[in-house]
C-alpha cells in the first residue's frame, strides 16, 4: 500500500491524536518523495497543528466533531484529486478549500465550540455544512 493510500485510509479513521500524528508523518514522507511537495507540506502542517492544539488538554467530543466536519471532506477531496491526477488548477482550488477550512477553525481566538459555531454562522451568513467552495480570502 502506498503512503497516499495509507493517508486516505487514515483519514477515514477520524481525527484522534495518534492518527493526526500518523497522517502528518505520512504527509512528510510524501512531501520528501514528491516533485512538488507543497500539497503534502500544507496537509502535514494542518494535521500537526490540530494535534498540537489538542495535545495537552481534555478534548470535548463536540470540538473534535466540529473540526472533523470542517476539515475531513476537503482533505479527502484533495487526496482524491491528487490520486486522479487532477489539473493543477483543480488541485490548487482543493488546497485553498483545505486551508480556508483550517483558518476558519484555528485562525480565530475563540475556545468554546458554541461560540465558534455562532461566529462562523454569523460572520459568513451560512451554516456549518454549506461548504467552502468559491471562498476567496484576502491576503493578510
Protein backbone atom coordinates (compact mmCIF):
# COMPACT_ATOMS: atom_id res chain seq x y z
CA UNK A 1 0.00 0.00 0.00
CA UNK A 2 1.41 3.42 -0.94
CA UNK A 3 1.68 6.30 1.52
CA UNK A 4 -1.13 8.10 -0.33
CA UNK A 5 -3.41 5.07 0.07
CA UNK A 6 -2.44 4.88 3.75
CA UNK A 7 -3.28 8.57 4.13
CA UNK A 8 -6.71 8.03 2.59
CA UNK A 9 -7.30 5.08 4.94
CA UNK A 10 -6.16 7.10 7.96
CA UNK A 11 -8.48 9.99 7.03
CA UNK A 12 -11.35 7.51 7.22
CA UNK A 13 -10.41 6.69 10.81
CA UNK A 14 -11.01 10.23 12.05
CA UNK A 15 -9.19 12.95 13.92
CA UNK A 16 -7.87 11.41 17.10
CA UNK A 17 -4.45 12.41 18.37
CA UNK A 18 -2.35 9.39 17.36
CA UNK A 19 -3.98 9.30 13.93
CA UNK A 20 -3.30 13.01 13.36
CA UNK A 21 0.39 12.47 14.09
CA UNK A 22 0.48 9.42 11.81
CA UNK A 23 -1.18 11.38 8.98
CA UNK A 24 1.38 14.16 9.47
CA UNK A 25 4.19 11.58 9.26
CA UNK A 26 2.73 10.16 6.05
CA UNK A 27 2.43 13.65 4.55
CA UNK A 28 6.05 14.43 5.39
CA UNK A 29 7.14 11.20 3.75
CA UNK A 30 5.03 12.03 0.68
CA UNK A 31 6.46 15.57 0.56
CA UNK A 32 10.03 14.28 0.68
CA UNK A 33 9.37 11.99 -2.27
CA UNK A 34 7.28 14.36 -4.40
CA UNK A 35 8.35 16.56 -7.29
CA UNK A 36 6.01 19.19 -5.87
CA UNK A 37 5.91 18.82 -2.07
CA UNK A 38 3.69 21.85 -1.34
CA UNK A 39 0.38 19.97 -1.05
CA UNK A 40 1.78 17.45 1.39
CA UNK A 41 3.60 20.17 3.34
CA UNK A 42 0.32 22.01 3.89
CA UNK A 43 -1.51 18.84 4.88
CA UNK A 44 1.29 17.91 7.29
CA UNK A 45 1.05 21.36 8.88
CA UNK A 46 -2.74 21.07 9.28
CA UNK A 47 -2.52 17.65 10.94
CA UNK A 48 0.33 18.70 13.26
CA UNK A 49 -1.33 21.94 14.27
CA UNK A 50 -4.63 20.26 15.10
CA UNK A 51 -2.79 17.58 17.11
CA UNK A 52 -0.72 20.16 19.00
CA UNK A 53 -3.84 22.21 19.70
CA UNK A 54 -5.45 19.18 21.34
CA UNK A 55 -2.40 17.54 22.85
CA UNK A 56 -2.34 18.62 26.48
CA UNK A 57 -5.97 19.34 27.24
CA UNK A 58 -9.16 17.37 27.58
CA UNK A 59 -10.86 17.31 24.20
CA UNK A 60 -14.63 17.78 24.16
CA UNK A 61 -16.27 15.41 21.70
CA UNK A 62 -18.22 18.35 20.24
CA UNK A 63 -14.99 20.16 19.34
CA UNK A 64 -13.47 17.09 17.71
CA UNK A 65 -16.63 16.50 15.67
CA UNK A 66 -16.77 20.17 14.61
CA UNK A 67 -13.15 20.14 13.42
CA UNK A 68 -13.73 16.87 11.58
CA UNK A 69 -16.89 18.24 9.96
CA UNK A 70 -14.94 21.21 8.58
CA UNK A 71 -11.69 19.53 7.55
CA UNK A 72 -12.35 15.91 6.69
CA UNK A 73 -14.22 16.30 3.39
CA UNK A 74 -11.88 18.97 1.96
CA UNK A 75 -8.86 16.82 2.84
CA UNK A 76 -10.44 13.69 1.35
CA UNK A 77 -11.27 15.66 -1.81
CA UNK A 78 -7.67 16.87 -2.08
CA UNK A 79 -6.29 13.34 -1.72
CA UNK A 80 -8.78 12.17 -4.35
CA UNK A 81 -7.69 14.98 -6.69
CA UNK A 82 -4.04 14.02 -6.25
CA UNK A 83 -4.81 10.34 -6.89
CA UNK A 84 -6.80 11.21 -10.00
CA UNK A 85 -4.01 13.45 -11.37
CA UNK A 86 -6.44 16.37 -11.49
CA UNK A 87 -5.37 19.56 -13.22
CA UNK A 88 -3.11 21.96 -11.34
CA UNK A 89 -5.95 24.48 -11.17
CA UNK A 90 -8.35 21.96 -9.64
CA UNK A 91 -5.77 20.77 -7.09
CA UNK A 92 -4.95 24.37 -6.16
CA UNK A 93 -8.65 25.08 -5.61
CA UNK A 94 -8.93 21.97 -3.42
CA UNK A 95 -5.90 23.11 -1.41
CA UNK A 96 -7.43 26.59 -0.99
CA UNK A 97 -10.56 24.92 0.38
CA UNK A 98 -8.49 22.95 2.93
CA UNK A 99 -6.53 25.97 4.05
CA UNK A 100 -9.70 28.09 4.28
CA UNK A 101 -11.43 25.50 6.46
CA UNK A 102 -8.34 25.27 8.69
CA UNK A 103 -8.08 29.07 9.03
CA UNK A 104 -11.74 29.39 9.94
CA UNK A 105 -11.32 26.86 12.72
CA UNK A 106 -7.92 27.80 14.07
CA UNK A 107 -7.42 31.36 12.85
CA UNK A 108 -9.77 32.78 15.48
CA UNK A 109 -9.12 33.03 19.19
CA UNK A 110 -12.41 31.59 20.39
CA UNK A 111 -12.16 28.50 22.53
CA UNK A 112 -15.74 27.41 23.11
CA UNK A 113 -17.23 25.33 20.34
CA UNK A 114 -20.61 27.00 20.73
CA UNK A 115 -19.05 30.43 20.27
CA UNK A 116 -17.23 29.20 17.18
CA UNK A 117 -20.49 27.90 15.72
CA UNK A 118 -22.12 31.27 16.27
CA UNK A 119 -19.20 33.22 14.87
CA UNK A 120 -18.89 31.12 11.73
CA UNK A 121 -22.63 31.20 11.08
CA UNK A 122 -22.95 34.92 11.74
CA UNK A 123 -19.74 36.07 10.08
CA UNK A 124 -20.34 34.25 6.83
CA UNK A 125 -24.12 34.11 6.84
CA UNK A 126 -24.13 30.38 6.38
CA UNK A 127 -24.42 27.16 8.34
CA UNK A 128 -21.55 24.85 9.11
CA UNK A 129 -22.42 22.29 6.47
CA UNK A 130 -22.70 24.57 3.44
CA UNK A 131 -19.07 24.13 2.45
CA UNK A 132 -16.32 26.46 1.31
CA UNK A 133 -16.44 26.25 -2.48
CA UNK A 134 -15.70 29.60 -4.07
CA UNK A 135 -14.47 31.31 -0.91
CA UNK A 136 -11.72 33.80 -1.62
CA UNK A 137 -9.91 35.19 1.40
CA UNK A 138 -7.98 38.47 1.08
CA UNK A 139 -4.27 38.42 1.92
CA UNK A 140 -3.32 39.48 5.46
